[in-house]
C-alpha atoms as a PDB file:
ATOM      1  CA  UNK A   1       8.482  32.205  11.954  1.00  0.00           C
ATOM      2  CA  UNK A   2       7.480  28.631  11.171  1.00  0.00           C
ATOM      3  CA  UNK A   3       9.144  26.728   8.360  1.00  0.00           C
ATOM      4  CA  UNK A   4       6.877  25.966   5.398  1.00  0.00           C
ATOM      5  CA  UNK A   5       6.099  22.247   5.409  1.00  0.00           C
ATOM      6  CA  UNK A   6       6.957  20.266   2.288  1.00  0.00           C
ATOM      7  CA  UNK A   7       4.543  17.589   1.083  1.00  0.00           C
ATOM      8  CA  UNK A   8       5.354  14.970  -1.518  1.00  0.00           C
ATOM      9  CA  UNK A   9       2.274  13.525  -3.219  1.00  0.00           C
ATOM     10  CA  UNK A  10       2.805  10.192  -4.969  1.00  0.00           C
ATOM     11  CA  UNK A  11      -0.043   8.933  -7.121  1.00  0.00           C
ATOM     12  CA  UNK A  12      -0.733   7.723 -10.611  1.00  0.00           C
ATOM     13  CA  UNK A  13      -4.169   9.352 -10.505  1.00  0.00           C
ATOM     14  CA  UNK A  14      -3.794  12.817 -12.039  1.00  0.00           C
ATOM     15  CA  UNK A  15      -7.158  14.074 -10.773  1.00  0.00           C
ATOM     16  CA  UNK A  16      -6.358  13.037  -7.214  1.00  0.00           C
ATOM     17  CA  UNK A  17      -2.963  14.759  -7.427  1.00  0.00           C
ATOM     18  CA  UNK A  18      -4.644  17.940  -8.689  1.00  0.00           C
ATOM     19  CA  UNK A  19      -7.199  17.971  -5.851  1.00  0.00           C
ATOM     20  CA  UNK A  20      -4.625  17.221  -3.131  1.00  0.00           C
ATOM     21  CA  UNK A  21      -2.177  19.738  -4.559  1.00  0.00           C
ATOM     22  CA  UNK A  22      -4.876  22.430  -4.659  1.00  0.00           C
ATOM     23  CA  UNK A  23      -5.947  21.725  -1.063  1.00  0.00           C
ATOM     24  CA  UNK A  24      -2.480  21.493   0.479  1.00  0.00           C
ATOM     25  CA  UNK A  25      -1.214  24.511  -1.450  1.00  0.00           C
ATOM     26  CA  UNK A  26      -4.190  26.511  -0.206  1.00  0.00           C
ATOM     27  CA  UNK A  27      -3.340  25.497   3.365  1.00  0.00           C
ATOM     28  CA  UNK A  28       0.176  26.895   2.979  1.00  0.00           C
ATOM     29  CA  UNK A  29       2.186  23.768   2.220  1.00  0.00           C
ATOM     30  CA  UNK A  30       4.909  23.546  -0.407  1.00  0.00           C
ATOM     31  CA  UNK A  31       3.578  20.752  -2.635  1.00  0.00           C
ATOM     32  CA  UNK A  32       5.611  18.494  -4.902  1.00  0.00           C
ATOM     33  CA  UNK A  33       4.170  15.817  -7.162  1.00  0.00           C
ATOM     34  CA  UNK A  34       6.022  12.669  -8.117  1.00  0.00           C
ATOM     35  CA  UNK A  35       5.298   9.424  -9.868  1.00  0.00           C
ATOM     36  CA  UNK A  36       7.444   6.543  -8.703  1.00  0.00           C
ATOM     37  CA  UNK A  37       7.249   4.225 -11.676  1.00  0.00           C
ATOM     38  CA  UNK A  38       7.941   0.514 -11.578  1.00  0.00           C
ATOM     39  CA  UNK A  39      10.876   0.898 -13.947  1.00  0.00           C
ATOM     40  CA  UNK A  40      12.547   3.359 -11.611  1.00  0.00           C
ATOM     41  CA  UNK A  41      15.218   1.919  -9.353  1.00  0.00           C
ATOM     42  CA  UNK A  42      14.037   1.711  -5.736  1.00  0.00           C
ATOM     43  CA  UNK A  43      17.391   2.936  -4.399  1.00  0.00           C
ATOM     44  CA  UNK A  44      17.385   5.870  -6.841  1.00  0.00           C
ATOM     45  CA  UNK A  45      13.856   6.768  -5.708  1.00  0.00           C
ATOM     46  CA  UNK A  46      14.874   6.676  -2.051  1.00  0.00           C
ATOM     47  CA  UNK A  47      17.914   8.854  -2.758  1.00  0.00           C
ATOM     48  CA  UNK A  48      15.855  11.432  -4.674  1.00  0.00           C
ATOM     49  CA  UNK A  49      13.371  11.611  -1.781  1.00  0.00           C
ATOM     50  CA  UNK A  50      16.250  12.031   0.699  1.00  0.00           C
ATOM     51  CA  UNK A  51      17.570  14.988  -1.336  1.00  0.00           C
ATOM     52  CA  UNK A  52      14.106  16.551  -1.474  1.00  0.00           C
ATOM     53  CA  UNK A  53      13.572  15.965   2.265  1.00  0.00           C
ATOM     54  CA  UNK A  54       9.773  16.267   2.528  1.00  0.00           C
ATOM     55  CA  UNK A  55       8.057  16.597   5.881  1.00  0.00           C
ATOM     56  CA  UNK A  56       5.169  14.408   4.738  1.00  0.00           C
ATOM     57  CA  UNK A  57       4.647  11.856   1.974  1.00  0.00           C
ATOM     58  CA  UNK A  58       1.102  11.208   0.821  1.00  0.00           C
ATOM     59  CA  UNK A  59       0.986   7.885  -1.031  1.00  0.00           C
ATOM     60  CA  UNK A  60      -2.129   6.839  -2.925  1.00  0.00           C
ATOM     61  CA  UNK A  61      -2.277   3.331  -1.468  1.00  0.00           C
ATOM     62  CA  UNK A  62      -5.123   2.286  -3.775  1.00  0.00           C
ATOM     63  CA  UNK A  63      -2.898   2.701  -6.832  1.00  0.00           C
ATOM     64  CA  UNK A  64       0.438   1.962  -5.148  1.00  0.00           C
ATOM     65  CA  UNK A  65       2.776  -0.726  -6.391  1.00  0.00           C
ATOM     66  CA  UNK A  66       4.760  -3.060  -4.161  1.00  0.00           C
ATOM     67  CA  UNK A  67       7.868  -1.033  -5.033  1.00  0.00           C
ATOM     68  CA  UNK A  68       6.262   2.215  -3.868  1.00  0.00           C
ATOM     69  CA  UNK A  69       5.203   0.655  -0.586  1.00  0.00           C
ATOM     70  CA  UNK A  70       8.709  -0.784  -0.217  1.00  0.00           C
ATOM     71  CA  UNK A  71      10.165   2.712  -0.719  1.00  0.00           C
ATOM     72  CA  UNK A  72       8.068   3.967   2.222  1.00  0.00           C
ATOM     73  CA  UNK A  73       9.241   1.040   4.337  1.00  0.00           C
ATOM     74  CA  UNK A  74      12.892   1.759   3.491  1.00  0.00           C
ATOM     75  CA  UNK A  75      12.414   5.432   4.391  1.00  0.00           C
ATOM     76  CA  UNK A  76      10.855   4.529   7.762  1.00  0.00           C
ATOM     77  CA  UNK A  77      13.686   2.095   8.586  1.00  0.00           C
ATOM     78  CA  UNK A  78      16.450   4.611   7.801  1.00  0.00           C
ATOM     79  CA  UNK A  79      17.369   6.802  10.763  1.00  0.00           C
ATOM     80  CA  UNK A  80      17.894   9.884   8.559  1.00  0.00           C
ATOM     81  CA  UNK A  81      14.423   9.657   6.984  1.00  0.00           C
ATOM     82  CA  UNK A  82      12.354   7.965   9.702  1.00  0.00           C
ATOM     83  CA  UNK A  83      10.897  11.358  10.719  1.00  0.00           C
ATOM     84  CA  UNK A  84       8.914  11.577   7.452  1.00  0.00           C
END
């Protein structure tokens, strides 16, 4: 039996999150929604994502901050999270 894939959707656009969540949930993914706000510590965000351990992160690049893009870069450079 295949493991259910976990998707983390990061966006400030509530409508986009609703549409993506509806679609991915319908396709059998376990969907989690998260806002990574500017005031949130980058290291704390990375640690919370590590604990959650998603298979895929969908980042709304149009509304992404430099900090959110930096979080993705940090995750890709870390050997324990580079698979995301």
